[in-house]
Amino acid sequence: MKKGMQNRLRLVLIALCLILFNQAMAQSQRFSLETVSGNRSIGQQHLFGYRNAKWEFQHFSLIDFEYAQKRNAIYFVRSSALYKIVDGLYLQAGIGLKNPGSFHSLLGQYRHQSKRSKLSLSSGFTWQQGRSWENSLSFELHGPSLQGWQTFTRIFLLTNLQEQQLIRGIAQFRLGLTKGNHALGLAFNLDRFSEGRELRNTGLFYKINFIPHEN
């Protein structure tokens, strides 16, 4: 995609996000914050957004700092506007920053929730130093409640493929306990880059969550 068209697309997406943000102040607010302290690094990620009947604005950020080497700092930031086509099916346009630079994306997203689980699948294109095919999966499962506590498991996977080669990959696993808006337990993160470099982090997580379960 030509640079001029990329710049125009970024401006349109930024304007759309600002309009949605301005309109959403009276709508449903959604927020979560998670901190991971591990053997290699300390990291934080958060999701902040608003939604109404058809539109949703999201801002997601992940920042991870290694104790020993600054060159291994990881960042992934994306602001997105989502339009609900039908229940459970969304069209998502976003702009952001991630190793190694800025990007924009156009994705389709499917969501499903039951009493104890959440599933989100997305697939589409990301433009960053060429076009790549982005796929992601997020699955969350809660066990039976015992005195207000529930077992908590979450898997998150994201890949960018270009000419059948993995150019960026993120994998996160969480296992712990949740009660009300709080969750804590064991965490494992794996980040992989196009040159074959892998960064792993194992430790503890704490999450505060104000995104309501919708079923």
Protein backbone atom coordinates (compact mmCIF):
# COMPACT_ATOMS: atom_id res chain seq x y z
CA MET A 1 0.00 0.00 0.00
CA LYS A 2 1.39 3.44 -0.98
CA LYS A 3 2.58 5.76 1.79
CA GLY A 4 0.09 8.53 0.93
CA MET A 5 -2.85 6.11 1.11
CA GLN A 6 -1.51 4.71 4.40
CA ASN A 7 -1.36 8.23 5.90
CA ARG A 8 -4.90 9.03 4.75
CA LEU A 9 -6.17 5.75 6.21
CA ARG A 10 -4.49 6.51 9.54
CA LEU A 11 -6.10 9.97 9.65
CA VAL A 12 -9.55 8.51 8.90
CA LEU A 13 -9.16 5.87 11.62
CA ILE A 14 -7.91 8.42 14.16
CA ALA A 15 -10.85 10.73 13.38
CA LEU A 16 -13.30 7.83 13.67
CA CYS A 17 -11.82 6.77 17.02
CA LEU A 18 -12.04 10.34 18.34
CA ILE A 19 -15.67 10.66 17.25
CA LEU A 20 -16.56 7.35 18.88
CA PHE A 21 -14.69 8.29 22.05
CA ASN A 22 -16.56 11.60 22.27
CA GLN A 23 -19.94 9.91 21.76
CA ALA A 24 -19.16 7.00 24.07
CA MET A 25 -18.76 8.95 27.28
CA ALA A 26 -22.41 8.23 28.08
CA GLN A 27 -22.14 4.59 27.03
CA SER A 28 -20.87 1.41 28.67
CA GLN A 29 -17.33 1.72 30.02
CA ARG A 30 -14.98 -1.30 29.94
CA PHE A 31 -11.60 -1.56 31.65
CA SER A 32 -9.07 -4.21 32.68
CA LEU A 33 -5.50 -4.01 33.98
CA GLU A 34 -3.05 -6.88 34.40
CA THR A 35 0.49 -6.94 35.82
CA VAL A 36 2.93 -9.84 35.41
CA SER A 37 6.11 -10.20 37.45
CA GLY A 38 8.31 -12.97 36.03
CA ASN A 39 11.79 -14.43 35.93
CA ARG A 40 12.85 -12.40 32.84
CA SER A 41 10.76 -9.26 32.94
CA ILE A 42 7.93 -7.26 34.45
CA GLY A 43 5.02 -6.36 32.22
CA GLN A 44 1.64 -4.69 32.17
CA GLN A 45 -1.28 -4.77 29.77
CA HIS A 46 -4.60 -3.01 29.82
CA LEU A 47 -7.79 -2.73 27.82
CA PHE A 48 -9.86 0.44 27.93
CA GLY A 49 -13.02 0.97 25.93
CA TYR A 50 -16.63 2.07 25.48
CA ARG A 51 -19.46 0.46 23.59
CA ASN A 52 -23.03 1.10 22.55
CA ALA A 53 -25.53 -0.95 20.57
CA LYS A 54 -23.51 -1.01 17.32
CA TRP A 55 -20.11 0.63 17.89
CA GLU A 56 -17.22 -0.08 20.21
CA PHE A 57 -13.97 1.79 20.84
CA GLN A 58 -10.99 -0.10 22.28
CA HIS A 59 -7.47 0.83 23.33
CA PHE A 60 -5.19 -2.09 24.18
CA SER A 61 -1.58 -1.86 25.30
CA LEU A 62 1.07 -4.38 26.33
CA ILE A 63 4.45 -3.23 27.64
CA ASP A 64 7.13 -5.64 28.86
CA PHE A 65 10.55 -4.63 30.24
CA GLU A 66 13.37 -7.11 30.73
CA TYR A 67 15.43 -6.73 33.88
CA ALA A 68 18.81 -7.24 32.16
CA GLN A 69 18.62 -5.88 28.59
CA LYS A 70 16.66 -2.90 27.29
CA ARG A 71 16.92 -4.26 23.71
CA ASN A 72 14.41 -6.96 24.67
CA ALA A 73 11.66 -4.52 25.63
CA ILE A 74 8.34 -5.55 24.07
CA TYR A 75 5.47 -3.26 23.18
CA PHE A 76 2.11 -3.75 21.46
CA VAL A 77 -0.40 -0.88 21.37
CA ARG A 78 -3.57 -0.76 19.26
CA SER A 79 -6.56 1.60 19.14
CA SER A 80 -9.54 0.13 17.33
CA ALA A 81 -13.05 0.93 16.21
CA LEU A 82 -15.42 -2.04 15.97
CA TYR A 83 -18.81 -2.24 14.23
CA LYS A 84 -21.25 -5.01 15.18
CA ILE A 85 -22.60 -6.64 12.02
CA VAL A 86 -24.81 -9.14 13.84
CA ASP A 87 -24.69 -10.56 17.37
CA GLY A 88 -21.24 -12.03 17.91
CA LEU A 89 -19.72 -10.82 14.61
CA TYR A 90 -17.70 -7.58 14.31
CA LEU A 91 -15.61 -5.65 11.81
CA GLN A 92 -12.52 -4.10 13.41
CA ALA A 93 -10.24 -1.33 12.05
CA GLY A 94 -7.21 -0.35 14.08
CA ILE A 95 -3.92 1.54 14.19
CA GLY A 96 -1.03 0.99 16.55
CA LEU A 97 2.60 0.39 17.42
CA LYS A 98 4.45 -2.88 17.96
CA ASN A 99 7.97 -4.22 17.54
CA PRO A 100 9.36 -3.10 15.10
CA GLY A 101 7.14 -0.02 14.38
CA SER A 102 3.73 1.38 13.44
CA PHE A 103 0.96 -0.64 11.77
CA HIS A 104 -2.71 -0.60 10.86
CA SER A 105 -5.13 -3.49 10.53
CA LEU A 106 -8.53 -4.56 9.22
CA LEU A 107 -9.99 -7.66 10.89
CA GLY A 108 -13.13 -9.67 11.28
CA GLN A 109 -13.93 -10.80 14.83
CA TYR A 110 -16.22 -13.46 16.30
CA ARG A 111 -17.20 -13.56 19.99
CA HIS A 112 -19.13 -16.12 21.99
CA GLN A 113 -19.87 -16.28 25.71
CA SER A 114 -21.50 -18.82 27.97
CA LYS A 115 -21.98 -18.82 31.73
CA ARG A 116 -18.40 -19.96 32.42
CA SER A 117 -16.45 -19.28 29.23
CA LYS A 118 -15.51 -16.59 26.71
CA LEU A 119 -14.20 -17.11 23.18
CA SER A 120 -12.90 -14.52 20.75
CA LEU A 121 -11.49 -15.23 17.27
CA SER A 122 -10.20 -12.65 14.82
CA SER A 123 -8.60 -12.80 11.39
CA GLY A 124 -7.63 -10.28 8.73
CA PHE A 125 -4.82 -8.13 7.39
CA THR A 126 -2.13 -6.05 9.11
CA TRP A 127 0.08 -3.60 7.21
CA GLN A 128 3.56 -3.16 8.70
CA GLN A 129 6.58 -3.36 6.40
CA GLY A 130 4.28 -5.09 3.93
CA ARG A 131 1.00 -6.92 4.36
CA SER A 132 0.64 -9.88 6.72
CA TRP A 133 -2.21 -12.18 7.72
CA GLU A 134 -3.12 -11.74 11.39
CA ASN A 135 -4.94 -14.38 13.42
CA SER A 136 -5.76 -14.34 17.12
CA LEU A 137 -7.56 -16.53 19.63
CA SER A 138 -8.59 -15.71 23.19
CA PHE A 139 -10.26 -18.36 25.35
CA GLU A 140 -11.23 -17.96 29.01
CA LEU A 141 -12.73 -20.63 31.27
CA HIS A 142 -14.04 -20.36 34.84
CA GLY A 143 -14.60 -23.38 37.07
CA PRO A 144 -17.28 -23.92 39.73
CA SER A 145 -17.53 -21.32 42.48
CA LEU A 146 -16.44 -22.19 46.02
CA GLN A 147 -17.10 -19.51 48.64
CA GLY A 148 -16.95 -16.87 45.92
CA TRP A 149 -13.67 -18.13 44.39
CA GLN A 150 -13.39 -19.74 40.95
CA THR A 151 -10.55 -21.43 39.11
CA PHE A 152 -9.49 -19.32 36.14
CA THR A 153 -7.76 -20.33 32.89
CA ARG A 154 -6.98 -18.12 29.90
CA ILE A 155 -5.15 -18.70 26.63
CA PHE A 156 -4.28 -15.91 24.20
CA LEU A 157 -2.52 -16.49 20.85
CA LEU A 158 -1.68 -13.97 18.13
CA THR A 159 0.30 -14.55 14.92
CA ASN A 160 1.28 -12.50 11.89
CA LEU A 161 2.12 -14.59 8.81
CA GLN A 162 3.81 -13.33 5.66
CA GLU A 163 4.41 -15.74 2.77
CA GLN A 164 3.75 -18.66 5.12
CA GLN A 165 6.43 -17.46 7.56
CA LEU A 166 5.83 -16.32 11.12
CA ILE A 167 6.99 -12.70 11.45
CA ARG A 168 5.49 -12.01 14.91
CA GLY A 169 3.90 -14.24 17.51
CA ILE A 170 2.48 -13.78 21.02
CA ALA A 171 1.34 -16.58 23.34
CA GLN A 172 0.00 -16.06 26.87
CA PHE A 173 -1.23 -18.61 29.41
CA ARG A 174 -2.86 -17.86 32.78
CA LEU A 175 -3.92 -20.24 35.54
CA GLY A 176 -5.25 -19.01 38.85
CA LEU A 177 -8.20 -17.92 40.96
CA THR A 178 -10.76 -15.20 40.43
CA LYS A 179 -13.23 -13.53 42.75
CA GLY A 180 -15.42 -10.59 41.77
CA ASN A 181 -13.32 -8.20 39.70
CA HIS A 182 -9.97 -9.68 40.76
CA ALA A 183 -7.84 -12.57 39.46
CA LEU A 184 -4.36 -13.81 40.39
CA GLY A 185 -2.16 -16.80 39.74
CA LEU A 186 0.53 -18.21 37.45
CA ALA A 187 1.53 -16.61 34.14
CA PHE A 188 3.57 -17.68 31.12
CA ASN A 189 4.36 -15.42 28.14
CA LEU A 190 6.13 -16.34 24.91
CA ASP A 191 7.05 -13.77 22.24
CA ARG A 192 8.62 -14.77 18.93
CA PHE A 193 10.08 -12.53 16.22
CA SER A 194 10.86 -13.00 12.52
CA GLU A 195 14.59 -13.49 13.05
CA GLY A 196 13.86 -16.52 15.25
CA ARG A 197 14.40 -14.72 18.57
CA GLU A 198 12.20 -15.98 21.41
CA LEU A 199 11.53 -14.29 24.74
CA ARG A 200 9.92 -16.23 27.57
CA ASN A 201 8.65 -15.01 30.90
CA THR A 202 7.25 -17.15 33.74
CA GLY A 203 5.89 -15.69 36.96
CA LEU A 204 2.81 -14.38 38.76
CA PHE A 205 -0.05 -12.21 37.50
CA TYR A 206 -2.66 -10.00 39.10
CA LYS A 207 -5.61 -8.66 37.12
CA ILE A 208 -8.42 -6.27 37.93
CA ASN A 209 -11.30 -6.52 35.51
CA PHE A 210 -14.31 -4.24 34.91
CA ILE A 211 -15.52 -5.84 31.67
CA PRO A 212 -18.92 -7.40 32.44
CA HIS A 213 -19.82 -10.95 31.43
CA GLU A 214 -22.57 -10.57 28.87
CA ASN A 215 -24.39 -13.89 29.22
